Amino acid sequence: MRKIKFWLDSGANAFSCYEQELSFEDIGITEEEWDAMNDDEKDTFAREIAWEKMDWGYQEIGGKNEE
């Protein structure tokens, strides 16, 4: 079974890279659909998967919302 390895690296330190291997079934497409994509489409698709898996957020500090 073919899989795709996704990663997202902030570059902050040696531990800042998130990696995960997922099957085509896991990401909701068939191998045929993947093979039919050109490189740009694969890049876009992989970027969307990586961002979906990333833990991120923001917090406003100071200013008008400070208690």
Protein backbone atom coordinates (compact mmCIF):
# COMPACT_ATOMS: atom_id res chain seq x y z
CA MET A 1 0.00 0.00 0.00
CA ARG A 2 1.41 3.38 -0.99
CA LYS A 3 1.40 6.20 1.53
CA ILE A 4 2.31 9.85 1.50
CA LYS A 5 4.58 11.42 4.10
CA PHE A 6 3.56 14.94 5.10
CA TRP A 7 5.68 17.32 7.11
CA LEU A 8 5.56 20.83 8.40
CA ASP A 9 8.69 22.42 9.85
CA SER A 10 8.67 25.84 11.47
CA GLY A 11 12.47 25.84 11.64
CA ALA A 12 12.34 26.99 15.26
CA ASN A 13 14.53 24.16 16.57
CA ALA A 14 15.49 20.52 16.04
CA PHE A 15 12.08 19.38 17.31
CA SER A 16 9.89 21.75 15.30
CA CYS A 17 9.16 19.36 12.45
CA TYR A 18 5.81 17.56 12.45
CA GLU A 19 5.73 14.43 10.27
CA GLN A 20 3.00 11.92 9.56
CA GLU A 21 2.56 9.12 7.03
CA LEU A 22 -1.00 8.69 5.77
CA SER A 23 -2.57 6.26 3.36
CA PHE A 24 -4.61 7.50 0.43
CA GLU A 25 -7.67 6.17 2.25
CA ASP A 26 -6.74 8.30 5.28
CA ILE A 27 -6.68 11.47 3.17
CA GLY A 28 -9.82 10.62 1.21
CA ILE A 29 -8.49 10.10 -2.32
CA THR A 30 -7.56 7.12 -4.44
CA GLU A 31 -4.10 6.37 -5.77
CA GLU A 32 -5.48 6.96 -9.26
CA GLU A 33 -6.66 10.45 -8.28
CA TRP A 34 -3.20 11.21 -6.85
CA ASP A 35 -1.45 9.88 -9.95
CA ALA A 36 -3.69 12.04 -12.16
CA MET A 37 -2.56 15.24 -10.41
CA ASN A 38 0.29 17.29 -11.80
CA ASP A 39 3.10 18.44 -9.46
CA ASP A 40 1.45 21.78 -8.68
CA GLU A 41 -1.83 20.06 -7.76
CA LYS A 42 0.05 17.57 -5.56
CA ASP A 43 1.89 20.45 -3.83
CA THR A 44 -1.38 22.27 -3.15
CA PHE A 45 -3.13 19.14 -1.92
CA ALA A 46 -0.23 18.15 0.36
CA ARG A 47 0.00 21.70 1.77
CA GLU A 48 -3.71 21.60 2.66
CA ILE A 49 -3.31 18.25 4.44
CA ALA A 50 -0.25 19.48 6.38
CA TRP A 51 -2.05 22.65 7.49
CA GLU A 52 -5.10 20.64 8.59
CA LYS A 53 -2.85 18.54 10.84
CA MET A 54 -0.90 21.47 12.28
CA ASP A 55 -1.57 22.65 15.81
CA TRP A 56 -1.61 26.44 15.78
CA GLY A 57 -3.37 29.40 17.29
CA TYR A 58 -2.86 32.89 18.59
CA GLN A 59 -3.28 34.85 21.76
CA GLU A 60 -3.65 38.60 22.07
CA ILE A 61 -1.50 39.95 24.89
CA GLY A 62 -1.94 43.39 26.36
CA GLY A 63 -4.00 46.16 24.87
CA LYS A 64 -7.74 46.64 25.29
CA ASN A 65 -8.43 42.99 26.18
CA GLU A 66 -5.98 42.96 29.09
CA GLU A 67 -7.54 42.24 32.46
